[in-house]
Amino acid sequence: MPSSAEYIPRLVDRELKDMLKTMGGVVIEGPRACGKTVTGRHHSQSEVLLDVDANARRLIGLNPRLVLQSPAPRLIDEWQLEPEVWNHIRREIDERQDAGQFIL
């Protein structure tokens, strides 16, 4: 993850920070190459990059909890490559009953 000295602040930072204080998960949407992953990394404590981590994609089919269990907030980047993970994330949020669990 980039250090905070390398991060270029974005307008969405405050809104994302506020949302993570009240919601279990937050989805960052935008066009390609606009900084979604960098922004998510800046606000997360752990990450899984599903576009480059084939093992994580396979693990989602076997035991998705193993992919979701890491320090929160956990960035699940390119989650749409494994859309079934969406329901597992929702279930984790419901079970944990805590804000700031996931950034997608």
PDB file of N, CA and C in Angstrom:
ATOM      1  N   MET A   1       0.839  -1.180   0.000  1.00  0.00           N
ATOM      2  CA  MET A   1       0.000   0.000   0.000  1.00  0.00           C
ATOM      3  C   MET A   1       0.881   1.239   0.000  1.00  0.00           C
ATOM      4  N   PRO A   2       0.462   2.279  -0.738  1.00  0.00           N
ATOM      5  CA  PRO A   2       1.266   3.489  -0.758  1.00  0.00           C
ATOM      6  C   PRO A   2       1.262   4.173   0.594  1.00  0.00           C
ATOM      7  N   SER A   3       2.345   4.843   0.913  1.00  0.00           N
ATOM      8  CA  SER A   3       2.377   5.586   2.173  1.00  0.00           C
ATOM      9  C   SER A   3       1.513   6.827   2.038  1.00  0.00           C
ATOM     10  N   SER A   4       1.112   7.384   3.172  1.00  0.00           N
ATOM     11  CA  SER A   4       0.252   8.560   3.133  1.00  0.00           C
ATOM     12  C   SER A   4       0.959   9.744   2.486  1.00  0.00           C
ATOM     13  N   ALA A   5       2.307   9.773   2.493  1.00  0.00           N
ATOM     14  CA  ALA A   5       3.043  10.864   1.852  1.00  0.00           C
ATOM     15  C   ALA A   5       2.894  10.819   0.335  1.00  0.00           C
ATOM     16  N   GLU A   6       2.671   9.629  -0.229  1.00  0.00           N
ATOM     17  CA  GLU A   6       2.529   9.475  -1.675  1.00  0.00           C
ATOM     18  C   GLU A   6       1.094   9.676  -2.150  1.00  0.00           C
ATOM     19  N   TYR A   7       0.160   9.592  -1.261  1.00  0.00           N
ATOM     20  CA  TYR A   7      -1.258   9.659  -1.630  1.00  0.00           C
ATOM     21  C   TYR A   7      -1.661  11.087  -1.966  1.00  0.00           C
ATOM     22  N   ILE A   8      -2.356  11.247  -3.077  1.00  0.00           N
ATOM     23  CA  ILE A   8      -2.881  12.551  -3.470  1.00  0.00           C
ATOM     24  C   ILE A   8      -4.329  12.613  -2.984  1.00  0.00           C
ATOM     25  N   PRO A   9      -4.623  13.493  -2.030  1.00  0.00           N
ATOM     26  CA  PRO A   9      -5.993  13.574  -1.499  1.00  0.00           C
ATOM     27  C   PRO A   9      -7.023  13.822  -2.601  1.00  0.00           C
ATOM     28  N   ARG A  10      -8.199  13.235  -2.394  1.00  0.00           N
ATOM     29  CA  ARG A  10      -9.297  13.336  -3.350  1.00  0.00           C
ATOM     30  C   ARG A  10     -10.529  13.915  -2.659  1.00  0.00           C
ATOM     31  N   LEU A  11     -11.416  14.456  -3.445  1.00  0.00           N
ATOM     32  CA  LEU A  11     -12.647  15.034  -2.901  1.00  0.00           C
ATOM     33  C   LEU A  11     -13.483  13.991  -2.166  1.00  0.00           C
ATOM     34  N   VAL A  12     -13.413  12.761  -2.593  1.00  0.00           N
ATOM     35  CA  VAL A  12     -14.241  11.699  -2.025  1.00  0.00           C
ATOM     36  C   VAL A  12     -13.725  11.202  -0.672  1.00  0.00           C
ATOM     37  N   ASP A  13     -12.523  11.564  -0.281  1.00  0.00           N
ATOM     38  CA  ASP A  13     -11.932  11.035   0.952  1.00  0.00           C
ATOM     39  C   ASP A  13     -12.795  11.270   2.186  1.00  0.00           C
ATOM     40  N   ARG A  14     -13.245  12.479   2.386  1.00  0.00           N
ATOM     41  CA  ARG A  14     -14.046  12.781   3.576  1.00  0.00           C
ATOM     42  C   ARG A  14     -15.355  11.994   3.570  1.00  0.00           C
ATOM     43  N   GLU A  15     -16.005  11.939   2.412  1.00  0.00           N
ATOM     44  CA  GLU A  15     -17.265  11.204   2.309  1.00  0.00           C
ATOM     45  C   GLU A  15     -17.045   9.710   2.589  1.00  0.00           C
ATOM     46  N   LEU A  16     -15.978   9.145   2.032  1.00  0.00           N
ATOM     47  CA  LEU A  16     -15.679   7.740   2.260  1.00  0.00           C
ATOM     48  C   LEU A  16     -15.386   7.473   3.739  1.00  0.00           C
ATOM     49  N   LYS A  17     -14.610   8.329   4.332  1.00  0.00           N
ATOM     50  CA  LYS A  17     -14.284   8.190   5.758  1.00  0.00           C
ATOM     51  C   LYS A  17     -15.547   8.238   6.617  1.00  0.00           C
ATOM     52  N   ASP A  18     -16.433   9.177   6.313  1.00  0.00           N
ATOM     53  CA  ASP A  18     -17.694   9.292   7.049  1.00  0.00           C
ATOM     54  C   ASP A  18     -18.573   8.057   6.848  1.00  0.00           C
ATOM     55  N   MET A  19     -18.631   7.558   5.623  1.00  0.00           N
ATOM     56  CA  MET A  19     -19.457   6.385   5.342  1.00  0.00           C
ATOM     57  C   MET A  19     -18.934   5.153   6.077  1.00  0.00           C
ATOM     58  N   LEU A  20     -17.621   5.023   6.155  1.00  0.00           N
ATOM     59  CA  LEU A  20     -17.039   3.874   6.848  1.00  0.00           C
ATOM     60  C   LEU A  20     -17.318   3.914   8.354  1.00  0.00           C
ATOM     61  N   LYS A  21     -17.628   5.076   8.884  1.00  0.00           N
ATOM     62  CA  LYS A  21     -17.963   5.190  10.306  1.00  0.00           C
ATOM     63  C   LYS A  21     -19.374   4.705  10.607  1.00  0.00           C
ATOM     64  N   THR A  22     -20.233   4.648   9.583  1.00  0.00           N
ATOM     65  CA  THR A  22     -21.635   4.318   9.819  1.00  0.00           C
ATOM     66  C   THR A  22     -22.131   3.087   9.071  1.00  0.00           C
ATOM     67  N   MET A  23     -21.424   2.655   8.039  1.00  0.00           N
ATOM     68  CA  MET A  23     -21.883   1.532   7.214  1.00  0.00           C
ATOM     69  C   MET A  23     -20.884   0.387   7.273  1.00  0.00           C
ATOM     70  N   GLY A  24     -21.390  -0.818   7.128  1.00  0.00           N
ATOM     71  CA  GLY A  24     -20.525  -1.993   7.142  1.00  0.00           C
ATOM     72  C   GLY A  24     -19.665  -2.115   5.903  1.00  0.00           C
ATOM     73  N   GLY A  25     -20.169  -1.641   4.773  1.00  0.00           N
ATOM     74  CA  GLY A  25     -19.425  -1.715   3.520  1.00  0.00           C
ATOM     75  C   GLY A  25     -19.728  -0.532   2.637  1.00  0.00           C
ATOM     76  N   VAL A  26     -18.745  -0.157   1.832  1.00  0.00           N
ATOM     77  CA  VAL A  26     -18.879   0.975   0.916  1.00  0.00           C
ATOM     78  C   VAL A  26     -18.357   0.547  -0.447  1.00  0.00           C
ATOM     79  N   VAL A  27     -19.105   0.858  -1.489  1.00  0.00           N
ATOM     80  CA  VAL A  27     -18.693   0.587  -2.864  1.00  0.00           C
ATOM     81  C   VAL A  27     -18.195   1.882  -3.483  1.00  0.00           C
ATOM     82  N   ILE A  28     -16.995   1.841  -4.044  1.00  0.00           N
ATOM     83  CA  ILE A  28     -16.449   2.986  -4.775  1.00  0.00           C
ATOM     84  C   ILE A  28     -16.684   2.713  -6.261  1.00  0.00           C
ATOM     85  N   GLU A  29     -17.381   3.622  -6.918  1.00  0.00           N
ATOM     86  CA  GLU A  29     -17.657   3.474  -8.347  1.00  0.00           C
ATOM     87  C   GLU A  29     -17.055   4.635  -9.114  1.00  0.00           C
ATOM     88  N   GLY A  30     -16.685   4.363 -10.351  1.00  0.00           N
ATOM     89  CA  GLY A  30     -16.146   5.406 -11.212  1.00  0.00           C
ATOM     90  C   GLY A  30     -15.559   4.789 -12.457  1.00  0.00           C
ATOM     91  N   PRO A  31     -15.148   5.629 -13.405  1.00  0.00           N
ATOM     92  CA  PRO A  31     -14.560   5.113 -14.647  1.00  0.00           C
ATOM     93  C   PRO A  31     -13.194   4.475 -14.391  1.00  0.00           C
ATOM     94  N   ARG A  32     -12.741   3.729 -15.366  1.00  0.00           N
ATOM     95  CA  ARG A  32     -11.421   3.087 -15.262  1.00  0.00           C
ATOM     96  C   ARG A  32     -10.339   4.129 -15.049  1.00  0.00           C
ATOM     97  N   ALA A  33      -9.361   3.751 -14.269  1.00  0.00           N
ATOM     98  CA  ALA A  33      -8.142   4.551 -14.060  1.00  0.00           C
ATOM     99  C   ALA A  33      -8.405   5.925 -13.448  1.00  0.00           C
ATOM    100  N   CYS A  34      -9.455   6.028 -12.622  1.00  0.00           N
ATOM    101  CA  CYS A  34      -9.728   7.319 -11.977  1.00  0.00           C
ATOM    102  C   CYS A  34      -9.201   7.370 -10.544  1.00  0.00           C
ATOM    103  N   GLY A  35      -8.634   6.258 -10.047  1.00  0.00           N
ATOM    104  CA  GLY A  35      -8.060   6.248  -8.710  1.00  0.00           C
ATOM    105  C   GLY A  35      -8.870   5.499  -7.674  1.00  0.00           C
ATOM    106  N   LYS A  36      -9.814   4.662  -8.083  1.00  0.00           N
ATOM    107  CA  LYS A  36     -10.647   3.927  -7.126  1.00  0.00           C
ATOM    108  C   LYS A  36      -9.810   3.012  -6.231  1.00  0.00           C
ATOM    109  N   THR A  37      -8.921   2.239  -6.830  1.00  0.00           N
ATOM    110  CA  THR A  37      -8.109   1.307  -6.045  1.00  0.00           C
ATOM    111  C   THR A  37      -7.175   2.050  -5.108  1.00  0.00           C
ATOM    112  N   VAL A  38      -6.530   3.081  -5.588  1.00  0.00           N
ATOM    113  CA  VAL A  38      -5.605   3.854  -4.743  1.00  0.00           C
ATOM    114  C   VAL A  38      -6.363   4.471  -3.573  1.00  0.00           C
ATOM    115  N   THR A  39      -7.542   4.992  -3.843  1.00  0.00           N
ATOM    116  CA  THR A  39      -8.357   5.576  -2.778  1.00  0.00           C
ATOM    117  C   THR A  39      -8.773   4.494  -1.783  1.00  0.00           C
ATOM    118  N   GLY A  40      -9.235   3.354  -2.279  1.00  0.00           N
ATOM    119  CA  GLY A  40      -9.611   2.254  -1.396  1.00  0.00           C
ATOM    120  C   GLY A  40      -8.446   1.782  -0.553  1.00  0.00           C
ATOM    121  N   ARG A  41      -7.281   1.683  -1.147  1.00  0.00           N
ATOM    122  CA  ARG A  41      -6.082   1.272  -0.404  1.00  0.00           C
ATOM    123  C   ARG A  41      -5.745   2.262   0.699  1.00  0.00           C
ATOM    124  N   HIS A  42      -5.897   3.523   0.396  1.00  0.00           N
ATOM    125  CA  HIS A  42      -5.572   4.562   1.375  1.00  0.00           C
ATOM    126  C   HIS A  42      -6.433   4.444   2.635  1.00  0.00           C
ATOM    127  N   HIS A  43      -7.660   3.989   2.460  1.00  0.00           N
ATOM    128  CA  HIS A  43      -8.610   3.922   3.571  1.00  0.00           C
ATOM    129  C   HIS A  43      -8.738   2.517   4.163  1.00  0.00           C
ATOM    130  N   SER A  44      -7.993   1.540   3.644  1.00  0.00           N
ATOM    131  CA  SER A  44      -8.130   0.160   4.124  1.00  0.00           C
ATOM    132  C   SER A  44      -6.950  -0.258   4.991  1.00  0.00           C
ATOM    133  N   GLN A  45      -7.174  -1.344   5.734  1.00  0.00           N
ATOM    134  CA  GLN A  45      -6.123  -1.947   6.548  1.00  0.00           C
ATOM    135  C   GLN A  45      -5.596  -3.237   5.923  1.00  0.00           C
ATOM    136  N   SER A  46      -6.358  -3.794   4.983  1.00  0.00           N
ATOM    137  CA  SER A  46      -5.953  -5.011   4.288  1.00  0.00           C
ATOM    138  C   SER A  46      -6.641  -5.020   2.929  1.00  0.00           C
ATOM    139  N   GLU A  47      -6.170  -5.883   2.060  1.00  0.00           N
ATOM    140  CA  GLU A  47      -6.738  -5.902   0.709  1.00  0.00           C
ATOM    141  C   GLU A  47      -6.612  -7.271   0.076  1.00  0.00           C
ATOM    142  N   VAL A  48      -7.481  -7.501  -0.897  1.00  0.00           N
ATOM    143  CA  VAL A  48      -7.358  -8.629  -1.813  1.00  0.00           C
ATOM    144  C   VAL A  48      -7.681  -8.071  -3.191  1.00  0.00           C
ATOM    145  N   LEU A  49      -6.805  -8.364  -4.144  1.00  0.00           N
ATOM    146  CA  LEU A  49      -6.934  -7.854  -5.512  1.00  0.00           C
ATOM    147  C   LEU A  49      -7.373  -9.009  -6.407  1.00  0.00           C
ATOM    148  N   LEU A  50      -8.665  -9.128  -6.635  1.00  0.00           N
ATOM    149  CA  LEU A  50      -9.194 -10.295  -7.332  1.00  0.00           C
ATOM    150  C   LEU A  50      -8.810 -10.355  -8.797  1.00  0.00           C
ATOM    151  N   ASP A  51      -8.383  -9.258  -9.376  1.00  0.00           N
ATOM    152  CA  ASP A  51      -7.967  -9.303 -10.781  1.00  0.00           C
ATOM    153  C   ASP A  51      -6.604  -9.957 -10.960  1.00  0.00           C
ATOM    154  N   VAL A  52      -5.791 -10.005  -9.920  1.00  0.00           N
ATOM    155  CA  VAL A  52      -4.447 -10.590 -10.036  1.00  0.00           C
ATOM    156  C   VAL A  52      -4.212 -11.764  -9.086  1.00  0.00           C
ATOM    157  N   ASP A  53      -5.117 -12.018  -8.164  1.00  0.00           N
ATOM    158  CA  ASP A  53      -4.932 -13.083  -7.183  1.00  0.00           C
ATOM    159  C   ASP A  53      -5.855 -14.263  -7.504  1.00  0.00           C
ATOM    160  N   ALA A  54      -5.353 -15.156  -8.347  1.00  0.00           N
ATOM    161  CA  ALA A  54      -6.145 -16.318  -8.759  1.00  0.00           C
ATOM    162  C   ALA A  54      -6.469 -17.221  -7.578  1.00  0.00           C
ATOM    163  N   ASN A  55      -5.561 -17.329  -6.619  1.00  0.00           N
ATOM    164  CA  ASN A  55      -5.827 -18.160  -5.434  1.00  0.00           C
ATOM    165  C   ASN A  55      -7.010 -17.621  -4.642  1.00  0.00           C
ATOM    166  N   ALA A  56      -7.086 -16.316  -4.486  1.00  0.00           N
ATOM    167  CA  ALA A  56      -8.216 -15.719  -3.764  1.00  0.00           C
ATOM    168  C   ALA A  56      -9.518 -15.976  -4.512  1.00  0.00           C
ATOM    169  N   ARG A  57      -9.489 -15.883  -5.838  1.00  0.00           N
ATOM    170  CA  ARG A  57     -10.703 -16.156  -6.620  1.00  0.00           C
ATOM    171  C   ARG A  57     -11.154 -17.604  -6.424  1.00  0.00           C
ATOM    172  N   ARG A  58     -10.213 -18.538  -6.424  1.00  0.00           N
ATOM    173  CA  ARG A  58     -10.568 -19.948  -6.193  1.00  0.00           C
ATOM    174  C   ARG A  58     -11.100 -20.145  -4.778  1.00  0.00           C
ATOM    175  N   LEU A  59     -10.487 -19.483  -3.833  1.00  0.00           N
ATOM    176  CA  LEU A  59     -10.885 -19.617  -2.435  1.00  0.00           C
ATOM    177  C   LEU A  59     -12.303 -19.114  -2.197  1.00  0.00           C
ATOM    178  N   ILE A  60     -12.716 -18.120  -2.951  1.00  0.00           N
ATOM    179  CA  ILE A  60     -14.088 -17.614  -2.819  1.00  0.00           C
ATOM    180  C   ILE A  60     -15.086 -18.732  -3.097  1.00  0.00           C
ATOM    181  N   GLY A  61     -14.780 -19.596  -4.066  1.00  0.00           N
ATOM    182  CA  GLY A  61     -15.659 -20.717  -4.374  1.00  0.00           C
ATOM    183  C   GLY A  61     -15.631 -21.806  -3.316  1.00  0.00           C
ATOM    184  N   LEU A  62     -14.536 -21.909  -2.577  1.00  0.00           N
ATOM    185  CA  LEU A  62     -14.393 -22.958  -1.572  1.00  0.00           C
ATOM    186  C   LEU A  62     -14.788 -22.510  -0.171  1.00  0.00           C
ATOM    187  N   ASN A  63     -14.231 -21.368   0.239  1.00  0.00           N
ATOM    188  CA  ASN A  63     -14.495 -20.854   1.587  1.00  0.00           C
ATOM    189  C   ASN A  63     -14.304 -19.336   1.582  1.00  0.00           C
ATOM    190  N   PRO A  64     -15.315 -18.591   1.165  1.00  0.00           N
ATOM    191  CA  PRO A  64     -15.175 -17.139   1.017  1.00  0.00           C
ATOM    192  C   PRO A  64     -14.794 -16.420   2.308  1.00  0.00           C
ATOM    193  N   ARG A  65     -15.138 -16.984   3.441  1.00  0.00           N
ATOM    194  CA  ARG A  65     -14.791 -16.328   4.714  1.00  0.00           C
ATOM    195  C   ARG A  65     -13.285 -16.141   4.866  1.00  0.00           C
ATOM    196  N   LEU A  66     -12.506 -17.060   4.307  1.00  0.00           N
ATOM    197  CA  LEU A  66     -11.052 -16.947   4.406  1.00  0.00           C
ATOM    198  C   LEU A  66     -10.540 -15.721   3.648  1.00  0.00           C
ATOM    199  N   VAL A  67     -11.216 -15.369   2.579  1.00  0.00           N
ATOM    200  CA  VAL A  67     -10.835 -14.180   1.803  1.00  0.00           C
ATOM    201  C   VAL A  67     -11.275 -12.913   2.530  1.00  0.00           C
ATOM    202  N   LEU A  68     -12.357 -12.997   3.269  1.00  0.00           N
ATOM    203  CA  LEU A  68     -12.917 -11.819   3.926  1.00  0.00           C
ATOM    204  C   LEU A  68     -12.311 -11.557   5.304  1.00  0.00           C
ATOM    205  N   GLN A  69     -11.651 -12.546   5.882  1.00  0.00           N
ATOM    206  CA  GLN A  69     -11.101 -12.411   7.230  1.00  0.00           C
ATOM    207  C   GLN A  69      -9.716 -11.763   7.203  1.00  0.00           C
ATOM    208  N   SER A  70      -9.656 -10.518   7.495  1.00  0.00           N
ATOM    209  CA  SER A  70      -8.415  -9.753   7.618  1.00  0.00           C
ATOM    210  C   SER A  70      -8.760  -8.444   8.295  1.00  0.00           C
ATOM    211  N   PRO A  71      -7.752  -7.692   8.700  1.00  0.00           N
ATOM    212  CA  PRO A  71      -8.056  -6.426   9.367  1.00  0.00           C
ATOM    213  C   PRO A  71      -8.972  -5.522   8.536  1.00  0.00           C
ATOM    214  N   ALA A  72      -9.905  -4.905   9.212  1.00  0.00           N
ATOM    215  CA  ALA A  72     -10.883  -4.032   8.563  1.00  0.00           C
ATOM    216  C   ALA A  72     -10.457  -2.564   8.694  1.00  0.00           C
ATOM    217  N   PRO A  73     -10.852  -1.787   7.723  1.00  0.00           N
ATOM    218  CA  PRO A  73     -11.607  -2.158   6.536  1.00  0.00           C
ATOM    219  C   PRO A  73     -10.755  -2.962   5.546  1.00  0.00           C
ATOM    220  N   ARG A  74     -11.388  -3.935   4.931  1.00  0.00           N
ATOM    221  CA  ARG A  74     -10.733  -4.804   3.941  1.00  0.00           C
ATOM    222  C   ARG A  74     -11.171  -4.368   2.558  1.00  0.00           C
ATOM    223  N   LEU A  75     -10.207  -4.035   1.713  1.00  0.00           N
ATOM    224  CA  LEU A  75     -10.477  -3.686   0.322  1.00  0.00           C
ATOM    225  C   LEU A  75     -10.630  -4.969  -0.478  1.00  0.00           C
ATOM    226  N   ILE A  76     -11.776  -5.128  -1.118  1.00  0.00           N
ATOM    227  CA  ILE A  76     -12.019  -6.241  -2.036  1.00  0.00           C
ATOM    228  C   ILE A  76     -12.049  -5.610  -3.422  1.00  0.00           C
ATOM    229  N   ASP A  77     -10.887  -5.584  -4.074  1.00  0.00           N
ATOM    230  CA  ASP A  77     -10.761  -4.894  -5.353  1.00  0.00           C
ATOM    231  C   ASP A  77     -11.164  -5.812  -6.501  1.00  0.00           C
ATOM    232  N   GLU A  78     -11.893  -5.257  -7.447  1.00  0.00           N
ATOM    233  CA  GLU A  78     -12.404  -5.984  -8.615  1.00  0.00           C
ATOM    234  C   GLU A  78     -13.315  -7.133  -8.205  1.00  0.00           C
ATOM    235  N   TRP A  79     -14.144  -6.892  -7.197  1.00  0.00           N
ATOM    236  CA  TRP A  79     -15.059  -7.914  -6.678  1.00  0.00           C
ATOM    237  C   TRP A  79     -16.001  -8.437  -7.758  1.00  0.00           C
ATOM    238  N   GLN A  80     -16.300  -7.620  -8.767  1.00  0.00           N
ATOM    239  CA  GLN A  80     -17.251  -8.025  -9.807  1.00  0.00           C
ATOM    240  C   GLN A  80     -16.745  -9.215 -10.621  1.00  0.00           C
ATOM    241  N   LEU A  81     -15.451  -9.541 -10.529  1.00  0.00           N
ATOM    242  CA  LEU A  81     -14.918 -10.727 -11.203  1.00  0.00           C
ATOM    243  C   LEU A  81     -15.419 -12.009 -10.543  1.00  0.00           C
ATOM    244  N   GLU A  82     -15.818 -11.916  -9.293  1.00  0.00           N
ATOM    245  CA  GLU A  82     -16.383 -13.036  -8.533  1.00  0.00           C
ATOM    246  C   GLU A  82     -17.663 -12.539  -7.862  1.00  0.00           C
ATOM    247  N   PRO A  83     -18.722 -12.319  -8.646  1.00  0.00           N
ATOM    248  CA  PRO A  83     -19.914 -11.656  -8.107  1.00  0.00           C
ATOM    249  C   PRO A  83     -20.578 -12.366  -6.933  1.00  0.00           C
ATOM    250  N   GLU A  84     -20.348 -13.678  -6.771  1.00  0.00           N
ATOM    251  CA  GLU A  84     -20.966 -14.369  -5.630  1.00  0.00           C
ATOM    252  C   GLU A  84     -20.403 -13.883  -4.299  1.00  0.00           C
ATOM    253  N   VAL A  85     -19.239 -13.238  -4.330  1.00  0.00           N
ATOM    254  CA  VAL A  85     -18.659 -12.722  -3.084  1.00  0.00           C
ATOM    255  C   VAL A  85     -19.537 -11.621  -2.481  1.00  0.00           C
ATOM    256  N   TRP A  86     -20.340 -10.962  -3.307  1.00  0.00           N
ATOM    257  CA  TRP A  86     -21.221  -9.889  -2.837  1.00  0.00           C
ATOM    258  C   TRP A  86     -22.122 -10.379  -1.703  1.00  0.00           C
ATOM    259  N   ASN A  87     -22.760 -11.527  -1.898  1.00  0.00           N
ATOM    260  CA  ASN A  87     -23.663 -12.055  -0.869  1.00  0.00           C
ATOM    261  C   ASN A  87     -22.913 -12.447   0.394  1.00  0.00           C
ATOM    262  N   HIS A  88     -21.703 -12.953   0.243  1.00  0.00           N
ATOM    263  CA  HIS A  88     -20.900 -13.316   1.415  1.00  0.00           C
ATOM    264  C   HIS A  88     -20.476 -12.066   2.193  1.00  0.00           C
ATOM    265  N   ILE A  89     -20.167 -11.008   1.477  1.00  0.00           N
ATOM    266  CA  ILE A  89     -19.808  -9.743   2.142  1.00  0.00           C
ATOM    267  C   ILE A  89     -21.018  -9.210   2.906  1.00  0.00           C
ATOM    268  N   ARG A  90     -22.173  -9.222   2.279  1.00  0.00           N
ATOM    269  CA  ARG A  90     -23.395  -8.750   2.963  1.00  0.00           C
ATOM    270  C   ARG A  90     -23.651  -9.569   4.228  1.00  0.00           C
ATOM    271  N   ARG A  91     -23.482 -10.882   4.127  1.00  0.00           N
ATOM    272  CA  ARG A  91     -23.703 -11.758   5.278  1.00  0.00           C
ATOM    273  C   ARG A  91     -22.699 -11.446   6.397  1.00  0.00           C
ATOM    274  N   GLU A  92     -21.439 -11.241   6.042  1.00  0.00           N
ATOM    275  CA  GLU A  92     -20.413 -10.890   7.038  1.00  0.00           C
ATOM    276  C   GLU A  92     -20.762  -9.580   7.735  1.00  0.00           C
ATOM    277  N   ILE A  93     -21.210  -8.601   6.961  1.00  0.00           N
ATOM    278  CA  ILE A  93     -21.591  -7.307   7.540  1.00  0.00           C
ATOM    279  C   ILE A  93     -22.737  -7.506   8.529  1.00  0.00           C
ATOM    280  N   ASP A  94     -23.738  -8.285   8.125  1.00  0.00           N
ATOM    281  CA  ASP A  94     -24.885  -8.547   9.013  1.00  0.00           C
ATOM    282  C   ASP A  94     -24.458  -9.269  10.286  1.00  0.00           C
ATOM    283  N   GLU A  95     -23.578 -10.249  10.152  1.00  0.00           N
ATOM    284  CA  GLU A  95     -23.151 -11.023  11.319  1.00  0.00           C
ATOM    285  C   GLU A  95     -22.260 -10.226  12.255  1.00  0.00           C
ATOM    286  N   ARG A  96     -21.366  -9.432  11.706  1.00  0.00           N
ATOM    287  CA  ARG A  96     -20.427  -8.673  12.538  1.00  0.00           C
ATOM    288  C   ARG A  96     -21.087  -7.475  13.219  1.00  0.00           C
ATOM    289  N   GLN A  97     -22.103  -6.918  12.572  1.00  0.00           N
ATOM    290  CA  GLN A  97     -22.808  -5.756  13.136  1.00  0.00           C
ATOM    291  C   GLN A  97     -21.829  -4.626  13.513  1.00  0.00           C
ATOM    292  N   ASP A  98     -20.905  -4.343  12.603  1.00  0.00           N
ATOM    293  CA  ASP A  98     -19.920  -3.314  12.859  1.00  0.00           C
ATOM    294  C   ASP A  98     -19.712  -2.483  11.603  1.00  0.00           C
ATOM    295  N   ALA A  99     -19.450  -1.219  11.770  1.00  0.00           N
ATOM    296  CA  ALA A  99     -19.188  -0.322  10.634  1.00  0.00           C
ATOM    297  C   ALA A  99     -17.770  -0.506  10.131  1.00  0.00           C
ATOM    298  N   GLY A 100     -17.551  -0.063   8.899  1.00  0.00           N
ATOM    299  CA  GLY A 100     -16.209   0.010   8.345  1.00  0.00           C
ATOM    300  C   GLY A 100     -15.548  -1.319   8.075  1.00  0.00           C
ATOM    301  N   GLN A 101     -16.304  -2.309   7.636  1.00  0.00           N
ATOM    302  CA  GLN A 101     -15.741  -3.651   7.394  1.00  0.00           C
ATOM    303  C   GLN A 101     -15.102  -3.806   6.015  1.00  0.00           C
ATOM    304  N   PHE A 102     -15.801  -3.328   4.990  1.00  0.00           N
ATOM    305  CA  PHE A 102     -15.347  -3.596   3.621  1.00  0.00           C
ATOM    306  C   PHE A 102     -15.424  -2.358   2.731  1.00  0.00           C
ATOM    307  N   ILE A 103     -14.446  -2.269   1.835  1.00  0.00           N
ATOM    308  CA  ILE A 103     -14.457  -1.300   0.742  1.00  0.00           C
ATOM    309  C   ILE A 103     -14.398  -2.116  -0.535  1.00  0.00           C
ATOM    310  N   LEU A 104     -15.340  -1.895  -1.420  1.00  0.00           N
ATOM    311  CA  LEU A 104     -15.365  -2.609  -2.695  1.00  0.00           C
ATOM    312  C   LEU A 104     -15.153  -1.617  -3.830  1.00  0.00           C
TER     313      LEU A 104
END
